[in-house]
């Protein structure tokens, strides 16, 4: 088990909690400190990043790029949106 100093942070998200930190090696062999979540995401991508910038791109949050609520929702999403709409909840509360 590798111990990380107080200045260590995840190269992707900046996590500082040493209990959550681990490391991985880039394609060129350079070690990089990352949190456990980003280490797992990198492993699941199926290829090794060549740089920190590529690592960030590979494990970036995919949902940030588009507002999922604006897309055409499926039937379940529509039903859930209607059921939990703020105006609906106010009128359904019991006294």
N, C-alpha and C. Protein backbone atom coordinates (compact mmCIF):
# COMPACT_ATOMS: atom_id res chain seq x y z
N UNK A 1 0.84 -1.19 0.00
CA UNK A 1 0.00 0.00 0.00
C UNK A 1 0.88 1.24 0.00
N UNK A 2 0.57 2.17 -0.88
CA UNK A 2 1.37 3.37 -1.02
C UNK A 2 0.79 4.48 -0.17
N UNK A 3 1.66 5.18 0.56
CA UNK A 3 1.22 6.31 1.36
C UNK A 3 1.42 7.59 0.56
N UNK A 4 0.48 8.51 0.64
CA UNK A 4 0.56 9.76 -0.08
C UNK A 4 0.73 10.89 0.91
N UNK A 5 1.56 11.86 0.56
CA UNK A 5 1.81 13.00 1.42
C UNK A 5 0.63 13.94 1.49
N UNK A 6 0.75 14.94 2.35
CA UNK A 6 -0.35 15.87 2.55
C UNK A 6 -0.61 16.74 1.34
N UNK A 7 0.35 16.89 0.44
CA UNK A 7 0.15 17.72 -0.74
C UNK A 7 -0.38 16.96 -1.94
N UNK A 8 -0.59 15.66 -1.81
CA UNK A 8 -1.04 14.84 -2.93
C UNK A 8 -2.50 15.09 -3.23
N UNK A 9 -2.81 15.19 -4.51
CA UNK A 9 -4.19 15.35 -4.95
C UNK A 9 -4.42 14.53 -6.21
N UNK A 10 -5.67 14.19 -6.47
CA UNK A 10 -6.04 13.49 -7.69
C UNK A 10 -5.78 14.42 -8.87
N UNK A 11 -5.08 13.93 -9.87
CA UNK A 11 -4.75 14.72 -11.06
C UNK A 11 -5.98 15.08 -11.87
N UNK A 12 -7.09 14.39 -11.65
CA UNK A 12 -8.31 14.65 -12.41
C UNK A 12 -9.25 15.60 -11.67
N UNK A 13 -9.58 15.27 -10.41
CA UNK A 13 -10.61 16.05 -9.70
C UNK A 13 -10.09 16.86 -8.52
N UNK A 14 -8.83 16.65 -8.11
CA UNK A 14 -8.28 17.41 -7.00
C UNK A 14 -8.56 16.85 -5.63
N UNK A 15 -9.15 15.65 -5.53
CA UNK A 15 -9.43 15.02 -4.24
C UNK A 15 -8.15 14.99 -3.40
N UNK A 16 -8.25 15.36 -2.12
CA UNK A 16 -7.08 15.44 -1.25
C UNK A 16 -7.04 14.37 -0.15
N UNK A 17 -8.13 13.68 0.07
CA UNK A 17 -8.19 12.69 1.14
C UNK A 17 -7.27 11.51 0.80
N UNK A 18 -6.21 11.35 1.57
CA UNK A 18 -5.20 10.31 1.30
C UNK A 18 -5.81 8.91 1.30
N UNK A 19 -6.91 8.72 2.03
CA UNK A 19 -7.56 7.40 2.06
C UNK A 19 -8.17 7.04 0.72
N UNK A 20 -8.47 8.04 -0.11
CA UNK A 20 -9.12 7.81 -1.40
C UNK A 20 -8.12 7.79 -2.55
N UNK A 21 -6.85 8.10 -2.27
CA UNK A 21 -5.87 8.23 -3.34
C UNK A 21 -5.14 6.93 -3.63
N UNK A 22 -4.81 6.79 -4.89
CA UNK A 22 -4.02 5.66 -5.38
C UNK A 22 -3.18 6.21 -6.53
N UNK A 23 -2.54 5.35 -7.27
CA UNK A 23 -1.77 5.85 -8.41
C UNK A 23 -1.93 4.90 -9.58
N UNK A 24 -1.62 5.41 -10.75
CA UNK A 24 -1.60 4.60 -11.96
C UNK A 24 -0.43 5.07 -12.78
N UNK A 25 -0.09 4.30 -13.79
CA UNK A 25 1.01 4.67 -14.68
C UNK A 25 0.46 5.00 -16.05
N UNK A 26 0.94 6.12 -16.59
CA UNK A 26 0.58 6.49 -17.95
C UNK A 26 1.32 5.59 -18.92
N UNK A 27 0.99 5.65 -20.18
CA UNK A 27 1.58 4.77 -21.19
C UNK A 27 3.10 4.87 -21.22
N UNK A 28 3.66 6.04 -20.94
CA UNK A 28 5.11 6.22 -20.93
C UNK A 28 5.77 5.78 -19.64
N UNK A 29 4.99 5.30 -18.67
CA UNK A 29 5.53 4.84 -17.40
C UNK A 29 5.49 5.86 -16.28
N UNK A 30 5.06 7.08 -16.57
CA UNK A 30 4.99 8.13 -15.55
C UNK A 30 3.89 7.83 -14.54
N UNK A 31 4.23 7.80 -13.23
CA UNK A 31 3.19 7.58 -12.22
C UNK A 31 2.35 8.84 -12.01
N UNK A 32 1.05 8.66 -11.79
CA UNK A 32 0.14 9.77 -11.58
C UNK A 32 -0.75 9.42 -10.39
N UNK A 33 -0.91 10.37 -9.48
CA UNK A 33 -1.81 10.18 -8.33
C UNK A 33 -3.23 10.49 -8.78
N UNK A 34 -4.14 9.58 -8.49
CA UNK A 34 -5.56 9.75 -8.80
C UNK A 34 -6.38 9.21 -7.64
N UNK A 35 -7.65 9.58 -7.59
CA UNK A 35 -8.54 9.00 -6.59
C UNK A 35 -8.98 7.62 -7.08
N UNK A 36 -9.53 6.83 -6.21
CA UNK A 36 -9.95 5.49 -6.56
C UNK A 36 -11.00 5.46 -7.66
N UNK A 37 -11.89 6.43 -7.67
CA UNK A 37 -12.92 6.48 -8.69
C UNK A 37 -12.31 6.67 -10.07
N UNK A 38 -11.38 7.60 -10.20
CA UNK A 38 -10.77 7.86 -11.50
C UNK A 38 -9.81 6.74 -11.91
N UNK A 39 -9.21 6.07 -10.95
CA UNK A 39 -8.37 4.91 -11.28
C UNK A 39 -9.24 3.81 -11.88
N UNK A 40 -10.38 3.57 -11.27
CA UNK A 40 -11.31 2.54 -11.76
C UNK A 40 -11.85 2.92 -13.14
N UNK A 41 -12.23 4.17 -13.31
CA UNK A 41 -12.75 4.61 -14.61
C UNK A 41 -11.68 4.44 -15.69
N UNK A 42 -10.44 4.78 -15.38
CA UNK A 42 -9.35 4.64 -16.34
C UNK A 42 -9.14 3.17 -16.71
N UNK A 43 -9.19 2.32 -15.72
CA UNK A 43 -9.02 0.89 -15.96
C UNK A 43 -10.12 0.36 -16.87
N UNK A 44 -11.34 0.83 -16.67
CA UNK A 44 -12.49 0.34 -17.46
C UNK A 44 -12.53 0.89 -18.88
N UNK A 45 -11.80 1.96 -19.16
CA UNK A 45 -11.77 2.52 -20.51
C UNK A 45 -11.15 1.50 -21.47
N UNK A 46 -10.19 0.74 -20.98
CA UNK A 46 -9.59 -0.31 -21.82
C UNK A 46 -8.32 0.10 -22.53
N UNK A 47 -7.87 1.32 -22.32
CA UNK A 47 -6.57 1.73 -22.88
C UNK A 47 -5.90 2.67 -21.90
N UNK A 48 -4.59 2.76 -22.00
CA UNK A 48 -3.81 3.56 -21.07
C UNK A 48 -3.58 4.95 -21.63
N UNK A 49 -3.88 5.94 -20.83
CA UNK A 49 -3.68 7.33 -21.24
C UNK A 49 -2.19 7.61 -21.41
N UNK A 50 -1.89 8.50 -22.35
CA UNK A 50 -0.49 8.86 -22.60
C UNK A 50 -0.08 10.12 -21.85
N UNK A 51 -1.05 10.91 -21.39
CA UNK A 51 -0.76 12.15 -20.67
C UNK A 51 -1.87 12.42 -19.67
N UNK A 52 -1.62 13.37 -18.79
CA UNK A 52 -2.65 13.74 -17.82
C UNK A 52 -3.86 14.35 -18.53
N UNK A 53 -3.61 15.12 -19.57
CA UNK A 53 -4.71 15.71 -20.34
C UNK A 53 -5.57 14.62 -20.97
N UNK A 54 -4.93 13.60 -21.53
CA UNK A 54 -5.68 12.50 -22.12
C UNK A 54 -6.42 11.72 -21.04
N UNK A 55 -5.79 11.54 -19.89
CA UNK A 55 -6.45 10.86 -18.77
C UNK A 55 -7.72 11.61 -18.38
N UNK A 56 -7.62 12.93 -18.25
CA UNK A 56 -8.80 13.73 -17.90
C UNK A 56 -9.90 13.59 -18.94
N UNK A 57 -9.52 13.57 -20.21
CA UNK A 57 -10.52 13.43 -21.28
C UNK A 57 -11.17 12.05 -21.25
N UNK A 58 -10.38 11.02 -20.97
CA UNK A 58 -10.92 9.66 -20.96
C UNK A 58 -11.92 9.43 -19.83
N UNK A 59 -11.69 10.07 -18.69
CA UNK A 59 -12.55 9.81 -17.52
C UNK A 59 -13.46 10.98 -17.20
N UNK A 60 -13.60 11.92 -18.12
CA UNK A 60 -14.43 13.09 -17.85
C UNK A 60 -15.90 12.69 -17.71
N UNK A 61 -16.63 13.53 -17.04
CA UNK A 61 -18.06 13.32 -16.82
C UNK A 61 -18.78 13.53 -18.14
N UNK A 62 -19.34 12.50 -18.69
CA UNK A 62 -19.99 12.57 -20.00
C UNK A 62 -21.31 13.32 -19.95
N UNK A 63 -21.96 13.35 -18.81
CA UNK A 63 -23.29 13.98 -18.73
C UNK A 63 -23.22 15.49 -18.73
N UNK A 64 -22.05 16.09 -18.49
CA UNK A 64 -21.94 17.54 -18.43
C UNK A 64 -22.21 18.20 -19.78
N UNK A 65 -21.91 17.51 -20.86
CA UNK A 65 -21.96 18.13 -22.18
C UNK A 65 -23.38 18.39 -22.69
N UNK A 66 -24.37 17.75 -22.16
CA UNK A 66 -25.73 17.94 -22.65
C UNK A 66 -26.72 17.92 -21.48
N UNK A 67 -27.72 18.73 -21.59
CA UNK A 67 -28.76 18.72 -20.57
C UNK A 67 -29.70 17.56 -20.89
N UNK A 68 -29.67 16.55 -20.05
CA UNK A 68 -30.46 15.35 -20.32
C UNK A 68 -31.95 15.61 -20.26
N UNK A 69 -32.37 16.64 -19.56
CA UNK A 69 -33.80 16.94 -19.47
C UNK A 69 -34.35 17.50 -20.77
N UNK A 70 -33.49 18.10 -21.61
CA UNK A 70 -33.94 18.70 -22.85
C UNK A 70 -34.18 17.67 -23.95
N UNK A 71 -33.58 16.51 -23.83
CA UNK A 71 -33.74 15.47 -24.85
C UNK A 71 -35.14 14.88 -24.77
N UNK A 72 -35.53 14.16 -25.81
CA UNK A 72 -36.82 13.49 -25.80
C UNK A 72 -36.78 12.35 -24.78
N UNK A 73 -37.52 12.49 -23.70
CA UNK A 73 -37.48 11.46 -22.67
C UNK A 73 -38.28 10.22 -23.08
N UNK A 74 -37.88 9.10 -22.51
CA UNK A 74 -38.66 7.88 -22.76
C UNK A 74 -39.90 7.89 -21.88
N UNK A 75 -40.71 6.89 -21.99
CA UNK A 75 -41.98 6.84 -21.27
C UNK A 75 -41.78 6.88 -19.75
N UNK A 76 -40.82 6.12 -19.24
CA UNK A 76 -40.57 6.10 -17.81
C UNK A 76 -40.09 7.46 -17.32
N UNK A 77 -39.17 8.09 -18.07
CA UNK A 77 -38.67 9.40 -17.68
C UNK A 77 -39.80 10.43 -17.64
N UNK A 78 -40.69 10.38 -18.61
CA UNK A 78 -41.83 11.30 -18.63
C UNK A 78 -42.73 11.09 -17.42
N UNK A 79 -43.02 9.84 -17.10
CA UNK A 79 -43.88 9.54 -15.95
C UNK A 79 -43.24 10.01 -14.64
N UNK A 80 -41.95 9.79 -14.50
CA UNK A 80 -41.25 10.23 -13.28
C UNK A 80 -41.21 11.74 -13.18
N UNK A 81 -40.96 12.41 -14.30
CA UNK A 81 -40.94 13.88 -14.29
C UNK A 81 -42.28 14.45 -13.88
N UNK A 82 -43.35 13.87 -14.40
CA UNK A 82 -44.69 14.33 -14.04
C UNK A 82 -45.01 14.04 -12.58
N UNK A 83 -44.63 12.87 -12.11
CA UNK A 83 -44.94 12.48 -10.73
C UNK A 83 -44.22 13.34 -9.70
N UNK A 84 -43.01 13.79 -10.04
CA UNK A 84 -42.22 14.54 -9.08
C UNK A 84 -42.12 16.02 -9.42
N UNK A 85 -42.97 16.51 -10.28
CA UNK A 85 -42.98 17.94 -10.61
C UNK A 85 -43.36 18.72 -9.36
N UNK A 86 -42.72 19.86 -9.10
CA UNK A 86 -43.00 20.63 -7.88
C UNK A 86 -44.46 20.99 -7.70
N UNK A 87 -45.15 21.39 -8.76
CA UNK A 87 -46.56 21.77 -8.61
C UNK A 87 -47.42 20.57 -8.26
N UNK A 88 -47.05 19.41 -8.71
CA UNK A 88 -47.80 18.19 -8.41
C UNK A 88 -47.63 17.81 -6.95
N UNK A 89 -46.42 17.90 -6.45
CA UNK A 89 -46.15 17.50 -5.07
C UNK A 89 -46.87 18.39 -4.07
N UNK A 90 -46.95 19.67 -4.35
CA UNK A 90 -47.62 20.58 -3.43
C UNK A 90 -49.08 20.20 -3.23
N UNK A 91 -49.78 19.85 -4.31
CA UNK A 91 -51.19 19.54 -4.21
C UNK A 91 -51.45 18.14 -3.65
N UNK A 92 -50.46 17.27 -3.69
CA UNK A 92 -50.63 15.90 -3.20
C UNK A 92 -50.34 15.74 -1.72
N UNK A 93 -49.84 16.78 -1.07
CA UNK A 93 -49.48 16.64 0.35
C UNK A 93 -50.71 16.51 1.21
N UNK A 94 -50.57 15.64 2.17
CA UNK A 94 -51.70 15.40 3.07
C UNK A 94 -51.62 16.31 4.28
N UNK A 95 -52.72 16.72 4.77
CA UNK A 95 -52.77 17.64 5.92
C UNK A 95 -52.66 16.89 7.21
